[in-house]
Amino acid sequence: MKRLIVVLALVLSFVFGVAAANAGKIEDVKARGVLVCGVKDSVNLFGFVDPDTKELVGLDIDVCKYIADKLGVKTEFKVVTSSNRIPMLVQGSVDILAATMTHKFSRDEQIDFSITYFMDGQKLLVEKGAGIKSTADLANKKVGTVKGSTSEKNIKNAQPASQVISYDEYPQAFMALKQGKVVAVTTDSGILAGLKAGDDNPDKWEIVGEFFASEPYGLGVPENDSKFRDFVNLCLNEMWLDGTYHAMFKKWMGYDLPAGWQMELWPM
């Protein structure tokens, strides 16, 4: 009898162990009661610390809160950088990434992505009157961007003769511009607009040039968990259809959605 009990205990532990191993992200998050979101804390308009409340705010923060609300759980935010955000998702330190991240096939080898929730393109932030109007003017000049970003690769391709200086975060790159260490900062125009708007003298700076690379933002989700990825995509569709996304966009960007772009909508 004792041997039978031991065998049954081993069988049950194996069954429960397999069930736990096969449990998806949705089940994990609901059991925990918290959606852990990897976000930036220094990208104005998308993920940054409100100087008055000292809380993380921005478009990416609001998107995470919407998804957590649909799951019926709370949100917890962990700060990520362009270089560590994918490892943190792969390691399970966060459940989802909302971190101004461009969807690329090379990144899709490690994680999965939602549909595009924000469409942008790469430009240059320069001092007014500096004589820089496009990447053509950056030959033999120093330009700042961020380590591990698509912007870092794009500017090297767009202007191979430039000297690219990569920083940990965009505010550091912008400080280098203000100190004359670089002549331009390059990344997505939305991030550049946030840097400009947050400066004490925003009129001193201008965003110039045509888009020289497209930057479709996706939410990063764990690899091979289609149930969670589908749920996130459904949330984004509902956010668009119920008008929440439009309100979020105007709240943070300060203008209405550009004509001609809409989120990829799937039939229900």
C-alpha atoms as a PDB file:
ATOM      1  CA  MET A   1       0.000   0.000   0.000  1.00  0.00           C
ATOM      2  CA  LYS A   2       2.809   2.322   0.959  1.00  0.00           C
ATOM      3  CA  ARG A   3       4.524   1.583  -2.343  1.00  0.00           C
ATOM      4  CA  LEU A   4       1.270   2.348  -4.231  1.00  0.00           C
ATOM      5  CA  ILE A   5       0.968   5.703  -2.476  1.00  0.00           C
ATOM      6  CA  VAL A   6       4.549   6.549  -3.389  1.00  0.00           C
ATOM      7  CA  VAL A   7       3.937   5.604  -7.030  1.00  0.00           C
ATOM      8  CA  LEU A   8       0.721   7.679  -7.151  1.00  0.00           C
ATOM      9  CA  ALA A   9       2.537  10.646  -5.623  1.00  0.00           C
ATOM     10  CA  LEU A  10       5.261  10.400  -8.250  1.00  0.00           C
ATOM     11  CA  VAL A  11       2.706  10.162 -11.054  1.00  0.00           C
ATOM     12  CA  LEU A  12       0.746  13.151  -9.773  1.00  0.00           C
ATOM     13  CA  SER A  13       3.888  15.231  -9.315  1.00  0.00           C
ATOM     14  CA  PHE A  14       4.875  14.391 -12.896  1.00  0.00           C
ATOM     15  CA  VAL A  15       1.428  15.340 -14.225  1.00  0.00           C
ATOM     16  CA  PHE A  16       1.346  18.617 -12.330  1.00  0.00           C
ATOM     17  CA  GLY A  17       4.926  19.315 -13.357  1.00  0.00           C
ATOM     18  CA  VAL A  18       4.077  18.840 -17.041  1.00  0.00           C
ATOM     19  CA  ALA A  19       0.964  21.006 -16.656  1.00  0.00           C
ATOM     20  CA  ALA A  20       3.019  23.764 -15.031  1.00  0.00           C
ATOM     21  CA  ALA A  21       5.669  23.531 -17.729  1.00  0.00           C
ATOM     22  CA  ASN A  22       3.014  23.772 -20.436  1.00  0.00           C
ATOM     23  CA  ALA A  23       1.154  26.637 -18.764  1.00  0.00           C
ATOM     24  CA  GLY A  24       1.188  29.680 -21.029  1.00  0.00           C
ATOM     25  CA  LYS A  25       1.913  33.290 -20.209  1.00  0.00           C
ATOM     26  CA  ILE A  26      -1.767  34.153 -19.761  1.00  0.00           C
ATOM     27  CA  GLU A  27      -2.187  31.505 -17.081  1.00  0.00           C
ATOM     28  CA  ASP A  28       1.059  32.571 -15.376  1.00  0.00           C
ATOM     29  CA  VAL A  29       0.092  36.223 -15.315  1.00  0.00           C
ATOM     30  CA  LYS A  30      -3.426  35.575 -14.017  1.00  0.00           C
ATOM     31  CA  ALA A  31      -2.116  33.272 -11.295  1.00  0.00           C
ATOM     32  CA  ARG A  32       0.392  35.935 -10.250  1.00  0.00           C
ATOM     33  CA  GLY A  33      -2.117  38.765 -10.564  1.00  0.00           C
ATOM     34  CA  VAL A  34       0.460  41.031 -12.189  1.00  0.00           C
ATOM     35  CA  LEU A  35       1.601  41.726 -15.752  1.00  0.00           C
ATOM     36  CA  VAL A  36       5.316  42.576 -15.610  1.00  0.00           C
ATOM     37  CA  CYS A  37       6.113  45.034 -18.402  1.00  0.00           C
ATOM     38  CA  GLY A  38       9.555  45.971 -19.683  1.00  0.00           C
ATOM     39  CA  VAL A  39       9.510  49.685 -20.528  1.00  0.00           C
ATOM     40  CA  LYS A  40      11.880  52.601 -21.009  1.00  0.00           C
ATOM     41  CA  ASP A  41      12.142  55.339 -18.361  1.00  0.00           C
ATOM     42  CA  SER A  42      13.999  58.008 -20.331  1.00  0.00           C
ATOM     43  CA  VAL A  43      12.117  58.266 -23.633  1.00  0.00           C
ATOM     44  CA  ASN A  44       9.847  61.293 -23.440  1.00  0.00           C
ATOM     45  CA  LEU A  45       6.268  60.658 -24.650  1.00  0.00           C
ATOM     46  CA  PHE A  46       6.685  56.856 -24.644  1.00  0.00           C
ATOM     47  CA  GLY A  47       8.138  55.859 -21.284  1.00  0.00           C
ATOM     48  CA  PHE A  48       9.548  58.432 -18.856  1.00  0.00           C
ATOM     49  CA  VAL A  49       9.377  59.567 -15.237  1.00  0.00           C
ATOM     50  CA  ASP A  50       6.863  62.341 -14.593  1.00  0.00           C
ATOM     51  CA  PRO A  51       8.805  65.069 -12.762  1.00  0.00           C
ATOM     52  CA  ASP A  52       5.839  65.875 -10.520  1.00  0.00           C
ATOM     53  CA  THR A  53       4.475  62.449  -9.594  1.00  0.00           C
ATOM     54  CA  LYS A  54       7.780  60.542 -10.013  1.00  0.00           C
ATOM     55  CA  GLU A  55       5.778  57.797 -11.747  1.00  0.00           C
ATOM     56  CA  LEU A  56       6.408  56.155 -15.116  1.00  0.00           C
ATOM     57  CA  VAL A  57       4.112  57.583 -17.776  1.00  0.00           C
ATOM     58  CA  GLY A  58       3.833  57.634 -21.554  1.00  0.00           C
ATOM     59  CA  LEU A  59       2.186  55.919 -24.500  1.00  0.00           C
ATOM     60  CA  ASP A  60       3.900  52.574 -23.871  1.00  0.00           C
ATOM     61  CA  ILE A  61       2.869  52.688 -20.211  1.00  0.00           C
ATOM     62  CA  ASP A  62      -0.782  53.280 -21.131  1.00  0.00           C
ATOM     63  CA  VAL A  63      -0.735  50.440 -23.667  1.00  0.00           C
ATOM     64  CA  CYS A  64       0.533  48.055 -20.972  1.00  0.00           C
ATOM     65  CA  LYS A  65      -2.140  49.183 -18.518  1.00  0.00           C
ATOM     66  CA  TYR A  66      -4.852  48.556 -21.118  1.00  0.00           C
ATOM     67  CA  ILE A  67      -3.650  44.988 -21.724  1.00  0.00           C
ATOM     68  CA  ALA A  68      -3.322  44.302 -17.993  1.00  0.00           C
ATOM     69  CA  ASP A  69      -6.851  45.585 -17.440  1.00  0.00           C
ATOM     70  CA  LYS A  70      -8.163  43.188 -20.099  1.00  0.00           C
ATOM     71  CA  LEU A  71      -6.415  40.362 -18.241  1.00  0.00           C
ATOM     72  CA  GLY A  72      -7.904  41.532 -14.949  1.00  0.00           C
ATOM     73  CA  VAL A  73      -4.497  42.030 -13.310  1.00  0.00           C
ATOM     74  CA  LYS A  74      -2.275  44.844 -12.074  1.00  0.00           C
ATOM     75  CA  THR A  75       0.808  46.191 -13.840  1.00  0.00           C
ATOM     76  CA  GLU A  76       4.385  46.130 -12.662  1.00  0.00           C
ATOM     77  CA  PHE A  77       7.020  48.015 -14.623  1.00  0.00           C
ATOM     78  CA  LYS A  78      10.668  47.091 -14.993  1.00  0.00           C
ATOM     79  CA  VAL A  79      13.015  49.479 -16.731  1.00  0.00           C
ATOM     80  CA  VAL A  80      14.819  48.107 -19.786  1.00  0.00           C
ATOM     81  CA  THR A  81      17.333  49.505 -22.248  1.00  0.00           C
ATOM     82  CA  SER A  82      17.703  48.923 -25.971  1.00  0.00           C
ATOM     83  CA  SER A  83      20.515  46.451 -25.318  1.00  0.00           C
ATOM     84  CA  ASN A  84      19.004  44.401 -22.472  1.00  0.00           C
ATOM     85  CA  ARG A  85      15.276  44.367 -23.275  1.00  0.00           C
ATOM     86  CA  ILE A  86      15.272  41.186 -25.401  1.00  0.00           C
ATOM     87  CA  PRO A  87      17.438  39.213 -22.930  1.00  0.00           C
ATOM     88  CA  MET A  88      15.116  40.241 -20.095  1.00  0.00           C
ATOM     89  CA  LEU A  89      12.097  38.893 -21.996  1.00  0.00           C
ATOM     90  CA  VAL A  90      13.884  35.682 -22.972  1.00  0.00           C
ATOM     91  CA  GLN A  91      14.987  35.123 -19.365  1.00  0.00           C
ATOM     92  CA  GLY A  92      11.444  35.672 -18.071  1.00  0.00           C
ATOM     93  CA  SER A  93      12.271  38.824 -16.095  1.00  0.00           C
ATOM     94  CA  VAL A  94       9.368  40.542 -17.881  1.00  0.00           C
ATOM     95  CA  ASP A  95       6.192  39.241 -19.523  1.00  0.00           C
ATOM     96  CA  ILE A  96       5.974  41.777 -22.332  1.00  0.00           C
ATOM     97  CA  LEU A  97       8.075  44.563 -23.839  1.00  0.00           C
ATOM     98  CA  ALA A  98       6.634  47.987 -24.661  1.00  0.00           C
ATOM     99  CA  ALA A  99       9.879  49.795 -25.260  1.00  0.00           C
ATOM    100  CA  THR A 100       9.899  51.720 -28.572  1.00  0.00           C
ATOM    101  CA  MET A 101      11.102  48.522 -30.233  1.00  0.00           C
ATOM    102  CA  THR A 102      11.204  48.140 -33.984  1.00  0.00           C
ATOM    103  CA  HIS A 103       9.962  44.799 -35.273  1.00  0.00           C
ATOM    104  CA  LYS A 104      12.777  43.119 -37.215  1.00  0.00           C
ATOM    105  CA  PHE A 105      13.134  39.592 -38.571  1.00  0.00           C
ATOM    106  CA  SER A 106      16.516  39.257 -36.863  1.00  0.00           C
ATOM    107  CA  ARG A 107      14.881  39.984 -33.499  1.00  0.00           C
ATOM    108  CA  ASP A 108      12.045  37.609 -34.318  1.00  0.00           C
ATOM    109  CA  GLU A 109      14.531  34.756 -34.041  1.00  0.00           C
ATOM    110  CA  GLN A 110      14.583  35.216 -30.248  1.00  0.00           C
ATOM    111  CA  ILE A 111      11.132  36.557 -29.390  1.00  0.00           C
ATOM    112  CA  ASP A 112       7.756  37.101 -31.020  1.00  0.00           C
ATOM    113  CA  PHE A 113       6.100  40.413 -31.809  1.00  0.00           C
ATOM    114  CA  SER A 114       2.621  41.822 -31.817  1.00  0.00           C
ATOM    115  CA  ILE A 115       1.206  43.621 -34.812  1.00  0.00           C
ATOM    116  CA  THR A 116       2.572  47.137 -35.354  1.00  0.00           C
ATOM    117  CA  TYR A 117       1.113  49.515 -32.776  1.00  0.00           C
ATOM    118  CA  PHE A 118       3.123  52.615 -33.710  1.00  0.00           C
ATOM    119  CA  MET A 119       4.631  53.528 -37.071  1.00  0.00           C
ATOM    120  CA  ASP A 120       7.578  55.876 -37.228  1.00  0.00           C
ATOM    121  CA  GLY A 121      10.691  56.642 -39.274  1.00  0.00           C
ATOM    122  CA  GLN A 122      14.251  57.706 -38.574  1.00  0.00           C
ATOM    123  CA  LYS A 123      15.366  61.333 -38.810  1.00  0.00           C
ATOM    124  CA  LEU A 124      17.964  63.708 -37.359  1.00  0.00           C
ATOM    125  CA  LEU A 125      17.820  66.121 -34.417  1.00  0.00           C
ATOM    126  CA  VAL A 126      20.230  69.026 -34.873  1.00  0.00           C
ATOM    127  CA  GLU A 127      20.847  72.544 -33.676  1.00  0.00           C
ATOM    128  CA  LYS A 128      19.082  75.170 -35.784  1.00  0.00           C
ATOM    129  CA  GLY A 129      21.432  76.900 -38.180  1.00  0.00           C
ATOM    130  CA  ALA A 130      24.015  74.129 -38.027  1.00  0.00           C
ATOM    131  CA  GLY A 131      23.708  73.546 -41.770  1.00  0.00           C
ATOM    132  CA  ILE A 132      22.698  69.906 -41.441  1.00  0.00           C
ATOM    133  CA  LYS A 133      19.593  69.008 -43.415  1.00  0.00           C
ATOM    134  CA  SER A 134      20.042  65.321 -44.194  1.00  0.00           C
ATOM    135  CA  THR A 135      22.344  62.338 -43.757  1.00  0.00           C
ATOM    136  CA  ALA A 136      24.329  63.620 -46.750  1.00  0.00           C
ATOM    137  CA  ASP A 137      25.607  66.421 -44.496  1.00  0.00           C
ATOM    138  CA  LEU A 138      27.004  63.988 -41.913  1.00  0.00           C
ATOM    139  CA  ALA A 139      30.036  62.789 -43.880  1.00  0.00           C
ATOM    140  CA  ASN A 140      33.128  62.897 -41.617  1.00  0.00           C
ATOM    141  CA  LYS A 141      30.985  64.170 -38.736  1.00  0.00           C
ATOM    142  CA  LYS A 142      30.029  62.632 -35.383  1.00  0.00           C
ATOM    143  CA  VAL A 143      26.434  61.583 -34.832  1.00  0.00           C
ATOM    144  CA  GLY A 144      24.946  60.199 -31.634  1.00  0.00           C
ATOM    145  CA  THR A 145      22.500  57.342 -31.159  1.00  0.00           C
ATOM    146  CA  VAL A 146      21.909  54.415 -28.766  1.00  0.00           C
ATOM    147  CA  LYS A 147      23.663  51.063 -28.403  1.00  0.00           C
ATOM    148  CA  GLY A 148      21.753  48.050 -29.644  1.00  0.00           C
ATOM    149  CA  SER A 149      19.122  50.087 -31.498  1.00  0.00           C
ATOM    150  CA  THR A 150      18.089  49.767 -35.117  1.00  0.00           C
ATOM    151  CA  SER A 151      18.990  53.460 -35.434  1.00  0.00           C
ATOM    152  CA  GLU A 152      22.634  52.581 -34.832  1.00  0.00           C
ATOM    153  CA  LYS A 153      22.686  50.256 -37.854  1.00  0.00           C
ATOM    154  CA  ASN A 154      20.501  52.473 -40.031  1.00  0.00           C
ATOM    155  CA  ILE A 155      22.690  55.558 -39.754  1.00  0.00           C
ATOM    156  CA  LYS A 156      25.812  53.521 -40.584  1.00  0.00           C
ATOM    157  CA  ASN A 157      24.069  52.296 -43.722  1.00  0.00           C
ATOM    158  CA  ALA A 158      22.657  55.694 -44.648  1.00  0.00           C
ATOM    159  CA  GLN A 159      25.950  57.546 -44.160  1.00  0.00           C
ATOM    160  CA  PRO A 160      28.964  55.209 -43.983  1.00  0.00           C
ATOM    161  CA  ALA A 161      31.315  58.198 -43.813  1.00  0.00           C
ATOM    162  CA  SER A 162      29.855  59.426 -40.514  1.00  0.00           C
ATOM    163  CA  GLN A 163      31.369  58.574 -37.130  1.00  0.00           C
ATOM    164  CA  VAL A 164      28.634  56.988 -35.044  1.00  0.00           C
ATOM    165  CA  ILE A 165      28.923  57.462 -31.272  1.00  0.00           C
ATOM    166  CA  SER A 166      26.578  55.134 -29.373  1.00  0.00           C
ATOM    167  CA  TYR A 167      25.295  55.904 -25.879  1.00  0.00           C
ATOM    168  CA  ASP A 168      23.312  53.891 -23.339  1.00  0.00           C
ATOM    169  CA  GLU A 169      20.212  56.100 -23.596  1.00  0.00           C
ATOM    170  CA  TYR A 170      18.906  58.929 -25.795  1.00  0.00           C
ATOM    171  CA  PRO A 171      19.136  61.687 -23.160  1.00  0.00           C
ATOM    172  CA  GLN A 172      22.897  60.996 -23.035  1.00  0.00           C
ATOM    173  CA  ALA A 173      23.118  61.318 -26.810  1.00  0.00           C
ATOM    174  CA  PHE A 174      21.144  64.573 -26.653  1.00  0.00           C
ATOM    175  CA  MET A 175      23.468  65.894 -23.930  1.00  0.00           C
ATOM    176  CA  ALA A 176      26.413  65.101 -26.218  1.00  0.00           C
ATOM    177  CA  LEU A 177      24.721  67.179 -28.929  1.00  0.00           C
ATOM    178  CA  LYS A 178      24.258  70.100 -26.534  1.00  0.00           C
ATOM    179  CA  GLN A 179      27.910  69.828 -25.477  1.00  0.00           C
ATOM    180  CA  GLY A 180      29.105  69.832 -29.085  1.00  0.00           C
ATOM    181  CA  LYS A 181      30.462  66.277 -28.934  1.00  0.00           C
ATOM    182  CA  VAL A 182      28.216  65.253 -31.836  1.00  0.00           C
ATOM    183  CA  VAL A 183      26.493  67.343 -34.504  1.00  0.00           C
ATOM    184  CA  ALA A 184      23.270  65.320 -34.616  1.00  0.00           C
ATOM    185  CA  VAL A 185      21.246  62.721 -32.754  1.00  0.00           C
ATOM    186  CA  THR A 186      19.435  60.158 -34.851  1.00  0.00           C
ATOM    187  CA  THR A 187      16.569  57.799 -34.070  1.00  0.00           C
ATOM    188  CA  ASP A 188      12.802  57.559 -34.606  1.00  0.00           C
ATOM    189  CA  SER A 189      11.173  60.957 -35.105  1.00  0.00           C
ATOM    190  CA  GLY A 190       8.783  60.391 -32.189  1.00  0.00           C
ATOM    191  CA  ILE A 191      11.683  59.922 -29.783  1.00  0.00           C
ATOM    192  CA  LEU A 192      13.449  62.954 -31.234  1.00  0.00           C
ATOM    193  CA  ALA A 193      10.265  64.999 -30.775  1.00  0.00           C
ATOM    194  CA  GLY A 194      10.217  63.931 -27.123  1.00  0.00           C
ATOM    195  CA  LEU A 195      13.834  64.990 -26.610  1.00  0.00           C
ATOM    196  CA  LYS A 196      13.161  68.358 -28.228  1.00  0.00           C
ATOM    197  CA  ALA A 197       9.936  68.964 -26.300  1.00  0.00           C
ATOM    198  CA  GLY A 198      11.550  68.118 -22.970  1.00  0.00           C
ATOM    199  CA  ASP A 199      14.435  70.551 -23.381  1.00  0.00           C
ATOM    200  CA  ASP A 200      14.526  73.921 -21.625  1.00  0.00           C
ATOM    201  CA  ASN A 201      15.065  75.600 -25.021  1.00  0.00           C
ATOM    202  CA  PRO A 202      13.124  73.488 -27.537  1.00  0.00           C
ATOM    203  CA  ASP A 203      13.228  76.197 -30.198  1.00  0.00           C
ATOM    204  CA  LYS A 204      16.997  75.815 -30.356  1.00  0.00           C
ATOM    205  CA  TRP A 205      16.629  72.395 -32.000  1.00  0.00           C
ATOM    206  CA  GLU A 206      15.009  71.048 -35.135  1.00  0.00           C
ATOM    207  CA  ILE A 207      14.194  67.648 -36.613  1.00  0.00           C
ATOM    208  CA  VAL A 208      15.398  67.482 -40.198  1.00  0.00           C
ATOM    209  CA  GLY A 209      15.549  65.319 -43.297  1.00  0.00           C
ATOM    210  CA  GLU A 210      13.324  62.778 -44.929  1.00  0.00           C
ATOM    211  CA  PHE A 211      12.733  59.409 -43.290  1.00  0.00           C
ATOM    212  CA  PHE A 212      15.735  57.241 -44.180  1.00  0.00           C
ATOM    213  CA  ALA A 213      14.452  54.115 -42.416  1.00  0.00           C
ATOM    214  CA  SER A 214      11.004  52.917 -41.383  1.00  0.00           C
ATOM    215  CA  GLU A 215      10.492  52.045 -37.712  1.00  0.00           C
ATOM    216  CA  PRO A 216       7.366  49.933 -37.064  1.00  0.00           C
ATOM    217  CA  TYR A 217       7.028  49.396 -33.308  1.00  0.00           C
ATOM    218  CA  GLY A 218       5.814  46.050 -32.000  1.00  0.00           C
ATOM    219  CA  LEU A 219       5.237  44.727 -28.484  1.00  0.00           C
ATOM    220  CA  GLY A 220       7.705  42.003 -27.633  1.00  0.00           C
ATOM    221  CA  VAL A 221       6.204  38.761 -26.319  1.00  0.00           C
ATOM    222  CA  PRO A 222       7.734  35.352 -25.463  1.00  0.00           C
ATOM    223  CA  GLU A 223       8.629  33.054 -28.337  1.00  0.00           C
ATOM    224  CA  ASN A 224       6.133  30.319 -29.284  1.00  0.00           C
ATOM    225  CA  ASP A 225       3.236  31.385 -27.057  1.00  0.00           C
ATOM    226  CA  SER A 226       0.608  32.022 -29.715  1.00  0.00           C
ATOM    227  CA  LYS A 227      -2.237  32.239 -27.189  1.00  0.00           C
ATOM    228  CA  PHE A 228      -0.631  35.191 -25.430  1.00  0.00           C
ATOM    229  CA  ARG A 229       0.456  36.831 -28.701  1.00  0.00           C
ATOM    230  CA  ASP A 230      -3.076  36.499 -30.095  1.00  0.00           C
ATOM    231  CA  PHE A 231      -4.503  37.981 -26.899  1.00  0.00           C
ATOM    232  CA  VAL A 232      -2.156  40.979 -27.146  1.00  0.00           C
ATOM    233  CA  ASN A 233      -3.120  41.496 -30.791  1.00  0.00           C
ATOM    234  CA  LEU A 234      -6.799  41.309 -29.871  1.00  0.00           C
ATOM    235  CA  CYS A 235      -6.247  43.968 -27.202  1.00  0.00           C
ATOM    236  CA  LEU A 236      -4.548  46.243 -29.721  1.00  0.00           C
ATOM    237  CA  ASN A 237      -7.421  45.781 -32.178  1.00  0.00           C
ATOM    238  CA  GLU A 238      -9.995  46.539 -29.487  1.00  0.00           C
ATOM    239  CA  MET A 239      -7.955  49.560 -28.390  1.00  0.00           C
ATOM    240  CA  TRP A 240      -8.110  50.904 -31.928  1.00  0.00           C
ATOM    241  CA  LEU A 241     -11.783  50.110 -32.511  1.00  0.00           C
ATOM    242  CA  ASP A 242     -13.058  51.579 -29.225  1.00  0.00           C
ATOM    243  CA  GLY A 243     -11.120  54.821 -29.756  1.00  0.00           C
ATOM    244  CA  THR A 244      -8.751  54.342 -26.829  1.00  0.00           C
ATOM    245  CA  TYR A 245      -5.642  54.270 -28.998  1.00  0.00           C
ATOM    246  CA  HIS A 246      -6.587  57.484 -30.796  1.00  0.00           C
ATOM    247  CA  ALA A 247      -7.038  59.237 -27.437  1.00  0.00           C
ATOM    248  CA  MET A 248      -3.724  57.861 -26.135  1.00  0.00           C
ATOM    249  CA  PHE A 249      -1.898  58.980 -29.281  1.00  0.00           C
ATOM    250  CA  LYS A 250      -3.213  62.535 -29.086  1.00  0.00           C
ATOM    251  CA  LYS A 251      -2.598  62.700 -25.324  1.00  0.00           C
ATOM    252  CA  TRP A 252       1.100  61.952 -25.730  1.00  0.00           C
ATOM    253  CA  MET A 253       1.997  63.094 -29.245  1.00  0.00           C
ATOM    254  CA  GLY A 254      -0.091  66.267 -29.069  1.00  0.00           C
ATOM    255  CA  TYR A 255      -1.716  65.815 -32.486  1.00  0.00           C
ATOM    256  CA  ASP A 256      -4.180  63.507 -34.214  1.00  0.00           C
ATOM    257  CA  LEU A 257      -3.095  60.281 -35.860  1.00  0.00           C
ATOM    258  CA  PRO A 258      -1.487  60.914 -39.262  1.00  0.00           C
ATOM    259  CA  ALA A 259      -3.895  60.353 -42.132  1.00  0.00           C
ATOM    260  CA  GLY A 260      -3.384  57.133 -44.020  1.00  0.00           C
ATOM    261  CA  TRP A 261      -2.087  54.949 -41.201  1.00  0.00           C
ATOM    262  CA  GLN A 262      -4.128  52.527 -39.173  1.00  0.00           C
ATOM    263  CA  MET A 263      -3.364  49.512 -37.078  1.00  0.00           C
ATOM    264  CA  GLU A 264      -3.612  46.110 -38.758  1.00  0.00           C
ATOM    265  CA  LEU A 265      -7.197  45.095 -37.994  1.00  0.00           C
ATOM    266  CA  TRP A 266      -8.300  41.468 -38.014  1.00  0.00           C
ATOM    267  CA  PRO A 267     -11.927  40.382 -38.517  1.00  0.00           C
ATOM    268  CA  MET A 268     -13.497  39.157 -35.281  1.00  0.00           C
END
